[in-house]
Amino acid sequence: MGSEEKQNMAQSGSLTSDALEVDDVLANTEEWSPVETKLVVWSFAIAIIALIVGLIVVPTSVLH
């Protein structure tokens, strides 16, 4: 399949596997900075802590 055909399929909104390759999709992406990695890791850590606290607090408050 030629580049022109891929471009036409991409512009038509087609969602077939022939329309876009992985390299085409990731061609103009931004670099992932270390700050963003820390933000994601800390967000998951805070979410897990909130889940554990919630699992402890809710059952004890319901039983009393």
Protein backbone atom coordinates (compact mmCIF):
# COMPACT_ATOMS: atom_id res chain seq x y z
CA MET A 1 0.00 0.00 0.00
CA GLY A 2 1.43 3.35 -1.00
CA SER A 3 1.93 6.38 1.18
CA GLU A 4 -0.71 8.30 -0.75
CA GLU A 5 -3.29 5.57 -0.14
CA LYS A 6 -2.53 5.58 3.59
CA GLN A 7 -2.89 9.35 3.69
CA ASN A 8 -6.27 9.18 1.94
CA MET A 9 -7.50 6.47 4.32
CA ALA A 10 -6.29 8.45 7.35
CA GLN A 11 -8.07 11.58 6.15
CA SER A 12 -11.30 9.69 5.49
CA GLY A 13 -11.53 8.65 9.15
CA SER A 14 -11.15 4.98 8.38
CA LEU A 15 -10.17 2.82 11.34
CA THR A 16 -8.70 -0.12 9.52
CA SER A 17 -5.30 -1.59 10.28
CA ASP A 18 -4.19 -0.56 6.80
CA ALA A 19 -4.89 3.12 7.46
CA LEU A 20 -2.15 3.89 9.96
CA GLU A 21 1.03 2.22 11.08
CA VAL A 22 2.46 2.59 14.59
CA ASP A 23 5.22 4.82 13.27
CA ASP A 24 2.64 7.10 11.65
CA VAL A 25 0.69 7.49 14.89
CA LEU A 26 3.75 8.15 17.07
CA ALA A 27 5.56 10.37 14.56
CA ASN A 28 4.88 13.77 16.17
CA THR A 29 4.57 12.88 19.85
CA GLU A 30 6.28 14.80 22.63
CA GLU A 31 9.04 13.31 24.76
CA TRP A 32 7.97 11.91 28.14
CA SER A 33 9.75 13.94 30.80
CA PRO A 34 10.89 12.55 34.17
CA VAL A 35 8.61 15.04 35.93
CA GLU A 36 5.60 13.45 34.25
CA THR A 37 6.76 10.01 35.35
CA LYS A 38 7.03 11.19 38.96
CA LEU A 39 3.57 12.77 38.72
CA VAL A 40 2.01 9.51 37.51
CA VAL A 41 3.81 7.39 40.13
CA TRP A 42 2.85 9.72 42.98
CA SER A 43 -0.74 9.87 41.75
CA PHE A 44 -0.98 6.08 41.85
CA ALA A 45 0.65 5.98 45.29
CA ILE A 46 -1.80 8.53 46.68
CA ALA A 47 -4.73 6.67 45.11
CA ILE A 48 -3.62 3.37 46.68
CA ILE A 49 -3.21 5.01 50.11
CA ALA A 50 -6.66 6.62 49.81
CA LEU A 51 -8.13 3.24 48.85
CA ILE A 52 -6.55 1.51 51.85
CA VAL A 53 -7.70 4.25 54.23
CA GLY A 54 -11.18 4.07 52.75
CA LEU A 55 -11.29 0.30 53.16
CA ILE A 56 -10.38 0.70 56.83
CA VAL A 57 -12.61 3.68 57.67
CA VAL A 58 -15.82 2.69 55.86
CA PRO A 59 -16.34 -0.77 57.41
CA THR A 60 -15.56 0.54 60.92
CA SER A 61 -17.96 3.44 60.53
CA VAL A 62 -20.71 1.14 59.26
CA LEU A 63 -20.33 -1.31 62.14
CA HIS A 64 -20.64 1.37 64.83
